[in-house]
Amino acid sequence: MTEWYYSDAQRQQHGPVGSEELASLHGRGLLAPDSLVWREGLPAWVPWREIMHEVVSGTASTPASLADTDAATTADPFATPAAADPFALAGPAPAPAAPSAGDDAFRPYAIAEASPYAPPQASVAGRDPGYVAGGRVVHAGLWKRFAASVIDSFVTTILSYALLIPLMLISVGSMGAMGADGDNPFAAGASVAMMLLIYPILLVVPSVYFGWMQSSSLQASLGKMAIGIKVVRGDGTRVSFWRAFLRSLFYVVFGAVTCGLGVLISGLMAALTERKQALHDMVCDTLVVDKHAFTEHPEWQREELGVVTIVILVLFGLLFVGMIAVYAIMGAMMLGMGN
């Protein structure tokens, strides 16, 4: 079924809708002849009057040269005077002045015409000015997400130990000052408190990092930025700090509780689900997509892995094989010493 997008009197995008719904809007007078419409296959947005013959039987396309003729002489009941706003709907309300070619309010359509995949820009409560609804979306698969997580694991490890090492030094110094005697209750209490601080730091630091980075205008952690992907809501809008924070926290806790099995489950879901969603994505209503998805240039999205992703995967593979070789050599040496 052909999916259509159309504009209303306020120049806001609607759609996708089917051909029957579009014909119903036309029949009820809710789709003016000069309203811009688009479907896949069109090189640019076109006025409804020029393409309505594809949807409404008994009509013919109107050449663009006739668009400026006197509307009063036409048989179309929805025609508007040439001086009226081309986006104004038929009705008793006066039509606003037509926007000039340089009017910022008209700019979303100029952007859309530059790409056959990008519908008009839709404002999102002023919170996400770069967001453009609709269009083609390339979802990030398992290997792109894995390569980004390799980079981010180094970043979060450095951040975590930047807090843990000073705390450990303070704790050791405090216990030394109180005496190394095991009967000292204060030294024992300091040691227990130190151990209890390690786990919250390992959980909270990555969650704060991902929450801050992914809710920013970048919409991506450092690893995802390097790979060229980002995290968005299910509708393509920017995630909030707490949504990104809880998304990361759920992933870490679920992986820890399941002794690493949760990480494997998330990876399989990211590889097999329709929109490449892992479990924490489904719980938090998020998607991982190409950095150009839901922007003015969706045609810049890439399906291929990319150089950075391939390099990270190769380096990780070499490191993994090297670690296995080291453990194998150490095991052989221990067996030799035992004999």
C-alpha atoms as a PDB file:
ATOM      1  CA  MET A   1       0.000   0.000   0.000  1.00  0.00           C
ATOM      2  CA  THR A   2       1.302   3.457  -0.961  1.00  0.00           C
ATOM      3  CA  GLU A   3       2.015   5.684   2.033  1.00  0.00           C
ATOM      4  CA  TRP A   4       1.447   9.420   1.677  1.00  0.00           C
ATOM      5  CA  TYR A   5       2.502  12.484   3.674  1.00  0.00           C
ATOM      6  CA  TYR A   6       0.667  15.799   3.481  1.00  0.00           C
ATOM      7  CA  SER A   7       0.774  19.287   5.011  1.00  0.00           C
ATOM      8  CA  ASP A   8      -1.984  21.153   6.804  1.00  0.00           C
ATOM      9  CA  ALA A   9      -2.769  24.874   7.016  1.00  0.00           C
ATOM     10  CA  GLN A  10      -0.130  25.322   9.746  1.00  0.00           C
ATOM     11  CA  ARG A  11       2.534  23.672   7.533  1.00  0.00           C
ATOM     12  CA  GLN A  12       2.751  20.670   9.855  1.00  0.00           C
ATOM     13  CA  GLN A  13       3.438  17.173   8.582  1.00  0.00           C
ATOM     14  CA  HIS A  14       0.823  14.432   8.753  1.00  0.00           C
ATOM     15  CA  GLY A  15       1.219  10.827   7.748  1.00  0.00           C
ATOM     16  CA  PRO A  16       1.895   8.281   6.683  1.00  0.00           C
ATOM     17  CA  VAL A  17      -1.680   7.676   5.487  1.00  0.00           C
ATOM     18  CA  GLY A  18      -3.097   5.365   2.866  1.00  0.00           C
ATOM     19  CA  SER A  19      -4.615   6.393  -0.450  1.00  0.00           C
ATOM     20  CA  GLU A  20      -8.162   5.814   0.829  1.00  0.00           C
ATOM     21  CA  GLU A  21      -7.677   8.166   3.775  1.00  0.00           C
ATOM     22  CA  LEU A  22      -6.148  10.777   1.478  1.00  0.00           C
ATOM     23  CA  ALA A  23      -9.165  10.515  -0.846  1.00  0.00           C
ATOM     24  CA  SER A  24     -11.458  10.850   2.184  1.00  0.00           C
ATOM     25  CA  LEU A  25      -9.661  14.050   3.245  1.00  0.00           C
ATOM     26  CA  HIS A  26     -10.114  15.399  -0.269  1.00  0.00           C
ATOM     27  CA  GLY A  27     -13.811  14.537  -0.319  1.00  0.00           C
ATOM     28  CA  ARG A  28     -14.401  16.266   3.033  1.00  0.00           C
ATOM     29  CA  GLY A  29     -12.615  19.413   1.900  1.00  0.00           C
ATOM     30  CA  LEU A  30      -9.734  18.940   4.345  1.00  0.00           C
ATOM     31  CA  LEU A  31      -7.037  18.757   1.684  1.00  0.00           C
ATOM     32  CA  ALA A  32      -6.651  21.977  -0.311  1.00  0.00           C
ATOM     33  CA  PRO A  33      -5.441  21.778  -3.919  1.00  0.00           C
ATOM     34  CA  ASP A  34      -2.259  23.673  -3.028  1.00  0.00           C
ATOM     35  CA  SER A  35      -1.389  21.493  -0.018  1.00  0.00           C
ATOM     36  CA  LEU A  36       1.975  19.807  -0.455  1.00  0.00           C
ATOM     37  CA  VAL A  37       1.972  15.999  -0.600  1.00  0.00           C
ATOM     38  CA  TRP A  38       4.713  13.395  -1.026  1.00  0.00           C
ATOM     39  CA  ARG A  39       5.074   9.651  -1.463  1.00  0.00           C
ATOM     40  CA  GLU A  40       8.078   7.438  -2.065  1.00  0.00           C
ATOM     41  CA  GLY A  41       9.193   7.754  -5.657  1.00  0.00           C
ATOM     42  CA  LEU A  42       8.492  11.463  -6.026  1.00  0.00           C
ATOM     43  CA  PRO A  43      11.616  13.608  -6.504  1.00  0.00           C
ATOM     44  CA  ALA A  44      10.134  16.447  -4.408  1.00  0.00           C
ATOM     45  CA  TRP A  45       6.979  17.629  -2.645  1.00  0.00           C
ATOM     46  CA  VAL A  46       4.210  18.580  -5.093  1.00  0.00           C
ATOM     47  CA  PRO A  47       0.861  20.400  -4.794  1.00  0.00           C
ATOM     48  CA  TRP A  48      -2.075  18.072  -4.298  1.00  0.00           C
ATOM     49  CA  ARG A  49      -3.831  19.323  -7.440  1.00  0.00           C
ATOM     50  CA  GLU A  50      -0.981  18.011  -9.608  1.00  0.00           C
ATOM     51  CA  ILE A  51      -1.141  14.435  -8.353  1.00  0.00           C
ATOM     52  CA  MET A  52      -4.696  13.933  -7.041  1.00  0.00           C
ATOM     53  CA  HIS A  53      -5.508  11.923 -10.158  1.00  0.00           C
ATOM     54  CA  GLU A  54      -3.498   9.049  -8.695  1.00  0.00           C
ATOM     55  CA  VAL A  55      -5.841   8.828  -5.703  1.00  0.00           C
ATOM     56  CA  VAL A  56      -9.178  10.378  -6.675  1.00  0.00           C
ATOM     57  CA  SER A  57     -10.842   8.869  -9.727  1.00  0.00           C
ATOM     58  CA  GLY A  58     -12.278  11.211 -12.333  1.00  0.00           C
ATOM     59  CA  THR A  59      -9.657  13.933 -11.828  1.00  0.00           C
ATOM     60  CA  ALA A  60      -6.714  14.912 -13.946  1.00  0.00           C
ATOM     61  CA  SER A  61      -3.389  16.450 -13.086  1.00  0.00           C
ATOM     62  CA  THR A  62      -3.141  20.232 -13.408  1.00  0.00           C
ATOM     63  CA  PRO A  63      -0.053  21.594 -15.161  1.00  0.00           C
ATOM     64  CA  ALA A  64       2.063  23.837 -13.002  1.00  0.00           C
ATOM     65  CA  SER A  65       1.651  26.651 -15.568  1.00  0.00           C
ATOM     66  CA  LEU A  66      -2.039  26.832 -14.714  1.00  0.00           C
ATOM     67  CA  ALA A  67      -1.458  27.197 -10.980  1.00  0.00           C
ATOM     68  CA  ASP A  68      -1.589  30.996 -11.119  1.00  0.00           C
ATOM     69  CA  THR A  69      -4.819  31.309 -13.129  1.00  0.00           C
ATOM     70  CA  ASP A  70      -7.887  32.850 -11.567  1.00  0.00           C
ATOM     71  CA  ALA A  71      -9.340  30.251  -9.165  1.00  0.00           C
ATOM     72  CA  ALA A  72     -12.840  31.585  -9.734  1.00  0.00           C
ATOM     73  CA  THR A  73     -12.840  30.233 -13.282  1.00  0.00           C
ATOM     74  CA  THR A  74     -11.972  26.692 -12.237  1.00  0.00           C
ATOM     75  CA  ALA A  75     -14.429  23.966 -11.353  1.00  0.00           C
ATOM     76  CA  ASP A  76     -12.460  22.844  -8.306  1.00  0.00           C
ATOM     77  CA  PRO A  77     -14.505  23.706  -5.196  1.00  0.00           C
ATOM     78  CA  PHE A  78     -11.353  23.972  -3.078  1.00  0.00           C
ATOM     79  CA  ALA A  79      -9.434  26.421  -5.281  1.00  0.00           C
ATOM     80  CA  THR A  80      -8.131  29.539  -3.533  1.00  0.00           C
ATOM     81  CA  PRO A  81      -7.232  32.975  -4.937  1.00  0.00           C
ATOM     82  CA  ALA A  82      -3.651  33.421  -6.104  1.00  0.00           C
ATOM     83  CA  ALA A  83      -2.997  35.959  -3.345  1.00  0.00           C
ATOM     84  CA  ALA A  84      -4.067  33.541  -0.627  1.00  0.00           C
ATOM     85  CA  ASP A  85      -1.756  31.343   1.390  1.00  0.00           C
ATOM     86  CA  PRO A  86      -1.250  28.133  -0.622  1.00  0.00           C
ATOM     87  CA  PHE A  87      -1.491  26.188   2.624  1.00  0.00           C
ATOM     88  CA  ALA A  88      -4.824  27.692   3.769  1.00  0.00           C
ATOM     89  CA  LEU A  89      -7.787  25.308   3.960  1.00  0.00           C
ATOM     90  CA  ALA A  90     -11.134  26.183   2.422  1.00  0.00           C
ATOM     91  CA  GLY A  91     -13.498  27.731   4.944  1.00  0.00           C
ATOM     92  CA  PRO A  92     -14.817  30.968   6.381  1.00  0.00           C
ATOM     93  CA  ALA A  93     -11.622  31.812   8.257  1.00  0.00           C
ATOM     94  CA  PRO A  94      -9.457  34.396   6.436  1.00  0.00           C
ATOM     95  CA  ALA A  95      -6.289  32.970   4.936  1.00  0.00           C
ATOM     96  CA  PRO A  96      -2.958  34.317   6.254  1.00  0.00           C
ATOM     97  CA  ALA A  97      -0.531  36.125   3.987  1.00  0.00           C
ATOM     98  CA  ALA A  98       1.512  33.942   1.701  1.00  0.00           C
ATOM     99  CA  PRO A  99       5.079  33.384   2.947  1.00  0.00           C
ATOM    100  CA  SER A 100       7.903  34.824   0.930  1.00  0.00           C
ATOM    101  CA  ALA A 101      10.640  32.661  -0.544  1.00  0.00           C
ATOM    102  CA  GLY A 102      12.994  33.607   2.269  1.00  0.00           C
ATOM    103  CA  ASP A 103      10.501  33.200   5.058  1.00  0.00           C
ATOM    104  CA  ASP A 104      11.917  30.938   7.805  1.00  0.00           C
ATOM    105  CA  ALA A 105       8.476  29.408   8.339  1.00  0.00           C
ATOM    106  CA  PHE A 106       8.592  28.068   4.775  1.00  0.00           C
ATOM    107  CA  ARG A 107      12.101  26.669   5.093  1.00  0.00           C
ATOM    108  CA  PRO A 108      11.106  23.123   6.213  1.00  0.00           C
ATOM    109  CA  TYR A 109       9.691  22.455   2.764  1.00  0.00           C
ATOM    110  CA  ALA A 110      12.859  23.633   1.065  1.00  0.00           C
ATOM    111  CA  ILE A 111      14.729  21.149   3.246  1.00  0.00           C
ATOM    112  CA  ALA A 112      12.312  18.356   2.405  1.00  0.00           C
ATOM    113  CA  GLU A 113      12.662  19.005  -1.328  1.00  0.00           C
ATOM    114  CA  ALA A 114      16.413  18.535  -1.055  1.00  0.00           C
ATOM    115  CA  SER A 115      15.805  14.901  -0.083  1.00  0.00           C
ATOM    116  CA  PRO A 116      13.053  12.660  -1.434  1.00  0.00           C
ATOM    117  CA  TYR A 117      13.049  10.763   1.870  1.00  0.00           C
ATOM    118  CA  ALA A 118      12.539  13.621   4.344  1.00  0.00           C
ATOM    119  CA  PRO A 119       8.994  14.755   5.160  1.00  0.00           C
ATOM    120  CA  PRO A 120       8.460  18.320   6.431  1.00  0.00           C
ATOM    121  CA  GLN A 121      10.069  19.296   9.687  1.00  0.00           C
ATOM    122  CA  ALA A 122       7.851  18.965  12.740  1.00  0.00           C
ATOM    123  CA  SER A 123       8.536  21.000  15.857  1.00  0.00           C
ATOM    124  CA  VAL A 124       8.804  19.055  19.116  1.00  0.00           C
ATOM    125  CA  ALA A 125       7.942  21.508  21.874  1.00  0.00           C
ATOM    126  CA  GLY A 126      11.139  23.468  21.158  1.00  0.00           C
ATOM    127  CA  ARG A 127      13.182  20.742  22.857  1.00  0.00           C
ATOM    128  CA  ASP A 128      14.503  19.031  19.740  1.00  0.00           C
ATOM    129  CA  PRO A 129      14.982  21.637  16.985  1.00  0.00           C
ATOM    130  CA  GLY A 130      16.990  19.307  14.726  1.00  0.00           C
ATOM    131  CA  TYR A 131      14.302  16.606  14.657  1.00  0.00           C
ATOM    132  CA  VAL A 132      12.585  15.834  11.344  1.00  0.00           C
ATOM    133  CA  ALA A 133       9.848  13.226  11.467  1.00  0.00           C
ATOM    134  CA  GLY A 134       9.448  10.361   9.045  1.00  0.00           C
ATOM    135  CA  GLY A 135      11.743   9.352   6.217  1.00  0.00           C
ATOM    136  CA  ARG A 136      13.959   6.313   5.836  1.00  0.00           C
ATOM    137  CA  VAL A 137      15.607   5.062   9.054  1.00  0.00           C
ATOM    138  CA  VAL A 138      18.749   2.902   9.236  1.00  0.00           C
ATOM    139  CA  HIS A 139      18.839   1.013  12.537  1.00  0.00           C
ATOM    140  CA  ALA A 140      22.191   0.163  14.101  1.00  0.00           C
ATOM    141  CA  GLY A 141      22.724  -3.587  14.206  1.00  0.00           C
ATOM    142  CA  LEU A 142      24.699  -5.803  16.552  1.00  0.00           C
ATOM    143  CA  TRP A 143      28.204  -5.135  15.224  1.00  0.00           C
ATOM    144  CA  LYS A 144      27.941  -1.352  15.225  1.00  0.00           C
ATOM    145  CA  ARG A 145      26.524  -1.396  18.737  1.00  0.00           C
ATOM    146  CA  PHE A 146      29.202  -3.838  19.925  1.00  0.00           C
ATOM    147  CA  ALA A 147      32.027  -1.710  18.502  1.00  0.00           C
ATOM    148  CA  ALA A 148      30.580   1.371  20.222  1.00  0.00           C
ATOM    149  CA  SER A 149      30.328  -0.529  23.525  1.00  0.00           C
ATOM    150  CA  VAL A 150      34.011  -1.530  23.287  1.00  0.00           C
ATOM    151  CA  ILE A 151      35.008   2.138  23.097  1.00  0.00           C
ATOM    152  CA  ASP A 152      32.571   3.164  25.826  1.00  0.00           C
ATOM    153  CA  SER A 153      33.786   0.394  28.148  1.00  0.00           C
ATOM    154  CA  PHE A 154      37.246   1.975  28.147  1.00  0.00           C
ATOM    155  CA  VAL A 155      35.744   5.406  28.835  1.00  0.00           C
ATOM    156  CA  THR A 156      33.525   4.247  31.714  1.00  0.00           C
ATOM    157  CA  THR A 157      36.346   2.160  33.223  1.00  0.00           C
ATOM    158  CA  ILE A 158      38.642   5.192  33.267  1.00  0.00           C
ATOM    159  CA  LEU A 159      35.910   7.369  34.813  1.00  0.00           C
ATOM    160  CA  SER A 160      35.065   4.754  37.444  1.00  0.00           C
ATOM    161  CA  TYR A 161      38.665   4.177  38.525  1.00  0.00           C
ATOM    162  CA  ALA A 162      39.303   7.907  38.554  1.00  0.00           C
ATOM    163  CA  LEU A 163      36.910   7.898  41.540  1.00  0.00           C
ATOM    164  CA  LEU A 164      37.813   4.511  43.007  1.00  0.00           C
ATOM    165  CA  ILE A 165      41.589   4.957  43.210  1.00  0.00           C
ATOM    166  CA  PRO A 166      41.483   8.137  45.343  1.00  0.00           C
ATOM    167  CA  LEU A 167      38.862   6.548  47.596  1.00  0.00           C
ATOM    168  CA  MET A 168      40.997   3.431  48.012  1.00  0.00           C
ATOM    169  CA  LEU A 169      44.053   5.534  48.847  1.00  0.00           C
ATOM    170  CA  ILE A 170      42.070   7.501  51.418  1.00  0.00           C
ATOM    171  CA  SER A 171      40.685   4.290  52.883  1.00  0.00           C
ATOM    172  CA  VAL A 172      44.123   2.645  53.138  1.00  0.00           C
ATOM    173  CA  GLY A 173      45.590   5.779  54.689  1.00  0.00           C
ATOM    174  CA  SER A 174      42.774   5.968  57.216  1.00  0.00           C
ATOM    175  CA  MET A 175      43.170   2.317  58.196  1.00  0.00           C
ATOM    176  CA  GLY A 176      46.923   2.788  58.513  1.00  0.00           C
ATOM    177  CA  ALA A 177      46.431   5.768  60.779  1.00  0.00           C
ATOM    178  CA  MET A 178      43.988   3.789  62.932  1.00  0.00           C
ATOM    179  CA  GLY A 179      46.351   0.838  63.105  1.00  0.00           C
ATOM    180  CA  ALA A 180      46.517  -2.403  61.202  1.00  0.00           C
ATOM    181  CA  ASP A 181      45.333  -4.404  64.181  1.00  0.00           C
ATOM    182  CA  GLY A 182      42.403  -6.540  63.152  1.00  0.00           C
ATOM    183  CA  ASP A 183      40.720  -5.848  66.500  1.00  0.00           C
ATOM    184  CA  ASN A 184      40.292  -2.163  65.653  1.00  0.00           C
ATOM    185  CA  PRO A 185      36.562  -1.768  64.873  1.00  0.00           C
ATOM    186  CA  PHE A 186      37.091   1.550  63.063  1.00  0.00           C
ATOM    187  CA  ALA A 187      39.609   0.043  60.633  1.00  0.00           C
ATOM    188  CA  ALA A 188      37.275  -2.867  59.940  1.00  0.00           C
ATOM    189  CA  GLY A 189      34.348  -0.489  59.420  1.00  0.00           C
ATOM    190  CA  ALA A 190      36.359   1.639  56.984  1.00  0.00           C
ATOM    191  CA  SER A 191      37.276  -1.465  55.010  1.00  0.00           C
ATOM    192  CA  VAL A 192      33.639  -2.581  54.783  1.00  0.00           C
ATOM    193  CA  ALA A 193      32.487   0.914  53.781  1.00  0.00           C
ATOM    194  CA  MET A 194      35.103   0.965  51.024  1.00  0.00           C
ATOM    195  CA  MET A 195      33.871  -2.346  49.656  1.00  0.00           C
ATOM    196  CA  LEU A 196      30.280  -1.131  49.741  1.00  0.00           C
ATOM    197  CA  LEU A 197      31.202   2.001  47.749  1.00  0.00           C
ATOM    198  CA  ILE A 198      32.795   0.079  44.895  1.00  0.00           C
ATOM    199  CA  TYR A 199      29.584  -1.416  43.523  1.00  0.00           C
ATOM    200  CA  PRO A 200      27.467   1.786  43.481  1.00  0.00           C
ATOM    201  CA  ILE A 201      30.301   3.620  41.729  1.00  0.00           C
ATOM    202  CA  LEU A 202      30.586   0.887  39.085  1.00  0.00           C
ATOM    203  CA  LEU A 203      26.826   1.145  38.500  1.00  0.00           C
ATOM    204  CA  VAL A 204      26.205   4.883  38.786  1.00  0.00           C
ATOM    205  CA  VAL A 205      29.210   6.286  36.906  1.00  0.00           C
ATOM    206  CA  PRO A 206      28.397   4.554  33.569  1.00  0.00           C
ATOM    207  CA  SER A 207      24.701   5.394  33.958  1.00  0.00           C
ATOM    208  CA  VAL A 208      25.447   9.089  34.554  1.00  0.00           C
ATOM    209  CA  TYR A 209      27.858   9.099  31.617  1.00  0.00           C
ATOM    210  CA  PHE A 210      25.340   7.569  29.208  1.00  0.00           C
ATOM    211  CA  GLY A 211      22.458   9.610  30.605  1.00  0.00           C
ATOM    212  CA  TRP A 212      24.331  12.871  30.134  1.00  0.00           C
ATOM    213  CA  MET A 213      25.787  12.136  26.682  1.00  0.00           C
ATOM    214  CA  GLN A 214      22.720  10.544  25.110  1.00  0.00           C
ATOM    215  CA  SER A 215      20.308  13.219  26.343  1.00  0.00           C
ATOM    216  CA  SER A 216      22.551  16.022  25.053  1.00  0.00           C
ATOM    217  CA  SER A 217      22.325  17.550  21.588  1.00  0.00           C
ATOM    218  CA  LEU A 218      24.842  14.901  20.466  1.00  0.00           C
ATOM    219  CA  GLN A 219      22.394  12.095  21.390  1.00  0.00           C
ATOM    220  CA  ALA A 220      25.323   9.677  21.597  1.00  0.00           C
ATOM    221  CA  SER A 221      28.116   8.504  23.855  1.00  0.00           C
ATOM    222  CA  LEU A 222      31.729   8.832  22.684  1.00  0.00           C
ATOM    223  CA  GLY A 223      31.674   5.273  21.353  1.00  0.00           C
ATOM    224  CA  LYS A 224      28.463   5.812  19.405  1.00  0.00           C
ATOM    225  CA  MET A 225      29.766   9.122  18.054  1.00  0.00           C
ATOM    226  CA  ALA A 226      32.874   7.345  16.733  1.00  0.00           C
ATOM    227  CA  ILE A 227      30.739   4.692  15.019  1.00  0.00           C
ATOM    228  CA  GLY A 228      28.203   7.213  13.686  1.00  0.00           C
ATOM    229  CA  ILE A 229      25.077   6.134  15.567  1.00  0.00           C
ATOM    230  CA  LYS A 230      22.833   7.658  18.238  1.00  0.00           C
ATOM    231  CA  VAL A 231      20.065   6.820  20.730  1.00  0.00           C
ATOM    232  CA  VAL A 232      16.531   8.177  20.232  1.00  0.00           C
ATOM    233  CA  ARG A 233      13.017   7.533  21.490  1.00  0.00           C
ATOM    234  CA  GLY A 234      10.793   5.105  19.628  1.00  0.00           C
ATOM    235  CA  ASP A 235       9.349   8.035  17.624  1.00  0.00           C
ATOM    236  CA  GLY A 236      12.774   9.466  16.794  1.00  0.00           C
ATOM    237  CA  THR A 237      12.842  12.306  19.317  1.00  0.00           C
ATOM    238  CA  ARG A 238      15.637  12.931  21.829  1.00  0.00           C
ATOM    239  CA  VAL A 239      15.724  10.876  25.030  1.00  0.00           C
ATOM    240  CA  SER A 240      15.658  12.540  28.441  1.00  0.00           C
ATOM    241  CA  PHE A 241      18.504  12.220  30.957  1.00  0.00           C
ATOM    242  CA  TRP A 242      16.575   9.871  33.251  1.00  0.00           C
ATOM    243  CA  ARG A 243      15.425   7.628  30.407  1.00  0.00           C
ATOM    244  CA  ALA A 244      19.015   7.251  29.189  1.00  0.00           C
ATOM    245  CA  PHE A 245      20.221   6.815  32.786  1.00  0.00           C
ATOM    246  CA  LEU A 246      17.728   4.026  33.528  1.00  0.00           C
ATOM    247  CA  ARG A 247      18.397   2.409  30.153  1.00  0.00           C
ATOM    248  CA  SER A 248      22.078   2.016  31.046  1.00  0.00           C
ATOM    249  CA  LEU A 249      21.345   0.997  34.645  1.00  0.00           C
ATOM    250  CA  PHE A 250      18.902  -1.703  33.531  1.00  0.00           C
ATOM    251  CA  TYR A 251      21.453  -3.110  31.077  1.00  0.00           C
ATOM    252  CA  VAL A 252      24.231  -3.314  33.707  1.00  0.00           C
ATOM    253  CA  VAL A 253      22.022  -4.710  36.490  1.00  0.00           C
ATOM    254  CA  PHE A 254      20.343  -7.261  34.221  1.00  0.00           C
ATOM    255  CA  GLY A 255      23.746  -8.418  32.982  1.00  0.00           C
ATOM    256  CA  ALA A 256      25.090  -8.715  36.539  1.00  0.00           C
ATOM    257  CA  VAL A 257      22.042 -10.546  37.922  1.00  0.00           C
ATOM    258  CA  THR A 258      22.113 -13.068  35.076  1.00  0.00           C
ATOM    259  CA  CYS A 259      25.909 -13.545  35.386  1.00  0.00           C
ATOM    260  CA  GLY A 260      26.508 -12.148  31.900  1.00  0.00           C
ATOM    261  CA  LEU A 261      23.686 -14.054  30.221  1.00  0.00           C
ATOM    262  CA  GLY A 262      21.682 -10.813  29.923  1.00  0.00           C
ATOM    263  CA  VAL A 263      24.416  -9.299  27.766  1.00  0.00           C
ATOM    264  CA  LEU A 264      24.178 -12.256  25.385  1.00  0.00           C
ATOM    265  CA  ILE A 265      20.371 -11.990  25.297  1.00  0.00           C
ATOM    266  CA  SER A 266      20.551  -8.266  24.529  1.00  0.00           C
ATOM    267  CA  GLY A 267      23.026  -8.918  21.733  1.00  0.00           C
ATOM    268  CA  LEU A 268      20.839 -11.569  20.122  1.00  0.00           C
ATOM    269  CA  MET A 269      17.781  -9.306  20.332  1.00  0.00           C
ATOM    270  CA  ALA A 270      19.716  -6.439  18.722  1.00  0.00           C
ATOM    271  CA  ALA A 271      20.649  -8.784  15.890  1.00  0.00           C
ATOM    272  CA  LEU A 272      17.257 -10.420  15.334  1.00  0.00           C
ATOM    273  CA  THR A 273      14.486  -7.931  16.159  1.00  0.00           C
ATOM    274  CA  GLU A 274      12.885  -5.862  13.413  1.00  0.00           C
ATOM    275  CA  ARG A 275      14.127  -2.485  14.661  1.00  0.00           C
ATOM    276  CA  LYS A 276      17.367  -3.894  16.170  1.00  0.00           C
ATOM    277  CA  GLN A 277      16.139  -3.331  19.726  1.00  0.00           C
ATOM    278  CA  ALA A 278      17.816  -5.000  22.680  1.00  0.00           C
ATOM    279  CA  LEU A 279      15.839  -5.752  25.849  1.00  0.00           C
ATOM    280  CA  HIS A 280      16.803  -2.480  27.535  1.00  0.00           C
ATOM    281  CA  ASP A 281      15.667  -0.624  24.386  1.00  0.00           C
ATOM    282  CA  MET A 282      12.243  -2.254  24.539  1.00  0.00           C
ATOM    283  CA  VAL A 283      11.885  -1.557  28.267  1.00  0.00           C
ATOM    284  CA  CYS A 284      12.845   2.117  27.869  1.00  0.00           C
ATOM    285  CA  ASP A 285      11.254   2.731  24.423  1.00  0.00           C
ATOM    286  CA  THR A 286      14.515   3.623  22.663  1.00  0.00           C
ATOM    287  CA  LEU A 287      16.171   2.939  19.330  1.00  0.00           C
ATOM    288  CA  VAL A 288      19.794   3.005  18.182  1.00  0.00           C
ATOM    289  CA  VAL A 289      19.918   4.490  14.690  1.00  0.00           C
ATOM    290  CA  ASP A 290      22.301   6.118  12.231  1.00  0.00           C
ATOM    291  CA  LYS A 291      23.312   9.640  13.284  1.00  0.00           C
ATOM    292  CA  HIS A 292      21.551  11.124  10.230  1.00  0.00           C
ATOM    293  CA  ALA A 293      18.202   9.436  10.935  1.00  0.00           C
ATOM    294  CA  PHE A 294      15.365  11.848  11.775  1.00  0.00           C
ATOM    295  CA  THR A 295      17.375  14.809  10.463  1.00  0.00           C
ATOM    296  CA  GLU A 296      17.260  17.055   7.414  1.00  0.00           C
ATOM    297  CA  HIS A 297      19.492  14.622   5.494  1.00  0.00           C
ATOM    298  CA  PRO A 298      18.283  11.046   5.950  1.00  0.00           C
ATOM    299  CA  GLU A 299      19.856  10.186   2.585  1.00  0.00           C
ATOM    300  CA  TRP A 300      23.283  10.434   4.266  1.00  0.00           C
ATOM    301  CA  GLN A 301      22.621   7.328   6.371  1.00  0.00           C
ATOM    302  CA  ARG A 302      24.856   4.297   5.811  1.00  0.00           C
ATOM    303  CA  GLU A 303      23.929   0.631   5.906  1.00  0.00           C
ATOM    304  CA  GLU A 304      27.553  -0.602   5.816  1.00  0.00           C
ATOM    305  CA  LEU A 305      29.657  -1.035   8.956  1.00  0.00           C
ATOM    306  CA  GLY A 306      32.162   1.718   8.230  1.00  0.00           C
ATOM    307  CA  VAL A 307      35.940   1.894   8.703  1.00  0.00           C
ATOM    308  CA  VAL A 308      35.902   2.694  12.433  1.00  0.00           C
ATOM    309  CA  THR A 309      33.583  -0.218  13.215  1.00  0.00           C
ATOM    310  CA  ILE A 310      35.711  -2.668  11.232  1.00  0.00           C
ATOM    311  CA  VAL A 311      38.944  -1.474  12.866  1.00  0.00           C
ATOM    312  CA  ILE A 312      37.467  -1.799  16.382  1.00  0.00           C
ATOM    313  CA  LEU A 313      36.131  -5.290  15.661  1.00  0.00           C
ATOM    314  CA  VAL A 314      39.476  -6.449  14.242  1.00  0.00           C
ATOM    315  CA  LEU A 315      41.439  -5.051  17.204  1.00  0.00           C
ATOM    316  CA  PHE A 316      39.030  -6.635  19.672  1.00  0.00           C
ATOM    317  CA  GLY A 317      39.288  -9.960  17.862  1.00  0.00           C
ATOM    318  CA  LEU A 318      43.093  -9.853  17.996  1.00  0.00           C
ATOM    319  CA  LEU A 319      43.005  -8.945  21.680  1.00  0.00           C
ATOM    320  CA  PHE A 320      40.593 -11.779  22.420  1.00  0.00           C
ATOM    321  CA  VAL A 321      42.722 -14.329  20.560  1.00  0.00           C
ATOM    322  CA  GLY A 322      45.835 -13.015  22.288  1.00  0.00           C
ATOM    323  CA  MET A 323      44.272 -13.426  25.728  1.00  0.00           C
ATOM    324  CA  ILE A 324      43.269 -16.999  24.948  1.00  0.00           C
ATOM    325  CA  ALA A 325      46.812 -17.736  23.764  1.00  0.00           C
ATOM    326  CA  VAL A 326      48.311 -16.258  26.963  1.00  0.00           C
ATOM    327  CA  TYR A 327      46.020 -18.318  29.186  1.00  0.00           C
ATOM    328  CA  ALA A 328      46.789 -21.442  27.158  1.00  0.00           C
ATOM    329  CA  ILE A 329      50.546 -20.896  27.528  1.00  0.00           C
ATOM    330  CA  MET A 330      50.219 -20.234  31.262  1.00  0.00           C
ATOM    331  CA  GLY A 331      48.130 -23.385  31.682  1.00  0.00           C
ATOM    332  CA  ALA A 332      50.676 -25.459  29.766  1.00  0.00           C
ATOM    333  CA  MET A 333      53.502 -24.057  31.905  1.00  0.00           C
ATOM    334  CA  MET A 334      51.655 -24.891  35.133  1.00  0.00           C
ATOM    335  CA  LEU A 335      50.996 -28.430  33.917  1.00  0.00           C
ATOM    336  CA  GLY A 336      54.689 -28.784  33.015  1.00  0.00           C
ATOM    337  CA  MET A 337      55.773 -27.601  36.438  1.00  0.00           C
ATOM    338  CA  GLY A 338      53.371 -30.033  38.071  1.00  0.00           C
ATOM    339  CA  ASN A 339      54.891 -32.959  36.235  1.00  0.00           C
END
